[in-house]
Amino acid sequence: MNSKPLEIEGTWEEVMARKEERAGRRVRVTVLSDSSELSSPEKTPYFRPASGRSILRHAGTWQGDDFEECLSLVYETRSELEF
């Protein structure tokens, strides 16, 4: 019978204020980065949404004579979505 571990989050002082409740128990401590570190522009990971440029480089490069057949197959086999 394993119970889910209790997660406690807060400053060190907030966690230690309740130390009597956890006395004698095994614990694991993870020290998180300062929130000021995360909010600085040079520390924030750069995110760039996908542009589709990698797909567009293939536009107009279809080679083969089965395009109409493939397109028909798509229309025949697709189904309506239920939300």
Protein backbone atom coordinates (compact mmCIF):
# COMPACT_ATOMS: atom_id res chain seq x y z
CA MET A 1 0.00 0.00 0.00
CA ASN A 2 2.06 2.95 -1.31
CA SER A 3 0.62 6.39 -0.82
CA LYS A 4 1.52 9.31 -3.04
CA PRO A 5 4.40 11.38 -1.59
CA LEU A 6 3.42 14.66 0.00
CA GLU A 7 4.80 17.66 -1.88
CA ILE A 8 5.51 20.80 0.10
CA GLU A 9 6.58 23.97 -1.67
CA GLY A 10 7.60 27.34 -0.28
CA THR A 11 10.60 29.20 1.00
CA TRP A 12 13.00 27.41 3.31
CA GLU A 13 11.60 29.41 6.21
CA GLU A 14 8.02 28.42 5.36
CA VAL A 15 8.93 24.75 5.15
CA MET A 16 10.96 24.82 8.37
CA ALA A 17 8.12 26.54 10.25
CA ARG A 18 6.25 23.19 10.02
CA LYS A 19 9.21 20.94 10.78
CA GLU A 20 7.59 19.41 13.87
CA GLU A 21 4.83 17.94 11.69
CA ARG A 22 7.41 16.10 9.58
CA ALA A 23 9.88 15.08 12.29
CA GLY A 24 11.34 11.60 11.78
CA ARG A 25 10.17 11.34 8.15
CA ARG A 26 12.40 10.88 5.11
CA VAL A 27 12.46 13.93 2.84
CA ARG A 28 13.87 14.99 -0.51
CA VAL A 29 14.83 18.62 -1.02
CA THR A 30 15.02 20.31 -4.43
CA VAL A 31 16.32 23.86 -4.46
CA LEU A 32 14.60 25.84 -7.22
CA SER A 33 16.08 28.77 -9.11
CA ASP A 34 15.31 32.25 -7.87
CA SER A 35 12.24 33.69 -9.56
CA SER A 36 14.25 36.84 -10.31
CA GLU A 37 16.67 34.68 -12.30
CA LEU A 38 13.86 33.25 -14.42
CA SER A 39 12.31 36.60 -15.23
CA SER A 40 15.48 38.24 -16.53
CA PRO A 41 15.47 38.43 -20.34
CA GLU A 42 18.92 36.89 -20.77
CA LYS A 43 17.94 33.84 -18.67
CA THR A 44 14.52 33.26 -20.29
CA PRO A 45 14.70 30.49 -22.90
CA TYR A 46 14.13 31.79 -26.41
CA PHE A 47 10.90 30.56 -27.99
CA ARG A 48 10.04 31.08 -31.62
CA PRO A 49 6.75 29.70 -32.93
CA ALA A 50 6.97 27.46 -35.99
CA SER A 51 6.70 29.35 -39.25
CA GLY A 52 6.15 26.48 -41.67
CA ARG A 53 9.22 27.57 -43.63
CA SER A 54 10.71 24.07 -43.45
CA ILE A 55 7.63 22.66 -45.19
CA LEU A 56 7.38 25.44 -47.76
CA ARG A 57 10.79 24.60 -49.18
CA HIS A 58 9.14 21.46 -50.59
CA ALA A 59 6.24 23.32 -52.21
CA GLY A 60 6.01 22.72 -55.92
CA THR A 61 8.35 19.75 -55.81
CA TRP A 62 5.76 16.98 -56.17
CA GLN A 63 7.13 14.25 -58.39
CA GLY A 64 4.87 11.46 -59.47
CA ASP A 65 1.58 10.88 -61.17
CA ASP A 66 -0.50 9.65 -58.22
CA PHE A 67 -1.42 12.99 -56.65
CA GLU A 68 -5.10 12.77 -57.62
CA GLU A 69 -5.26 9.15 -56.42
CA CYS A 70 -3.71 10.08 -53.05
CA LEU A 71 -6.04 13.04 -52.66
CA SER A 72 -9.06 10.83 -53.41
CA LEU A 73 -7.89 8.33 -50.82
CA VAL A 74 -7.68 11.07 -48.20
CA TYR A 75 -11.23 12.25 -48.92
CA GLU A 76 -12.59 8.68 -48.94
CA THR A 77 -11.01 7.59 -45.67
CA ARG A 78 -11.40 10.66 -43.48
CA SER A 79 -14.12 10.68 -40.85
CA GLU A 80 -16.02 13.36 -39.01
CA LEU A 81 -14.73 14.43 -35.62
CA GLU A 82 -16.91 14.35 -32.56
CA PHE A 83 -16.28 16.91 -29.85
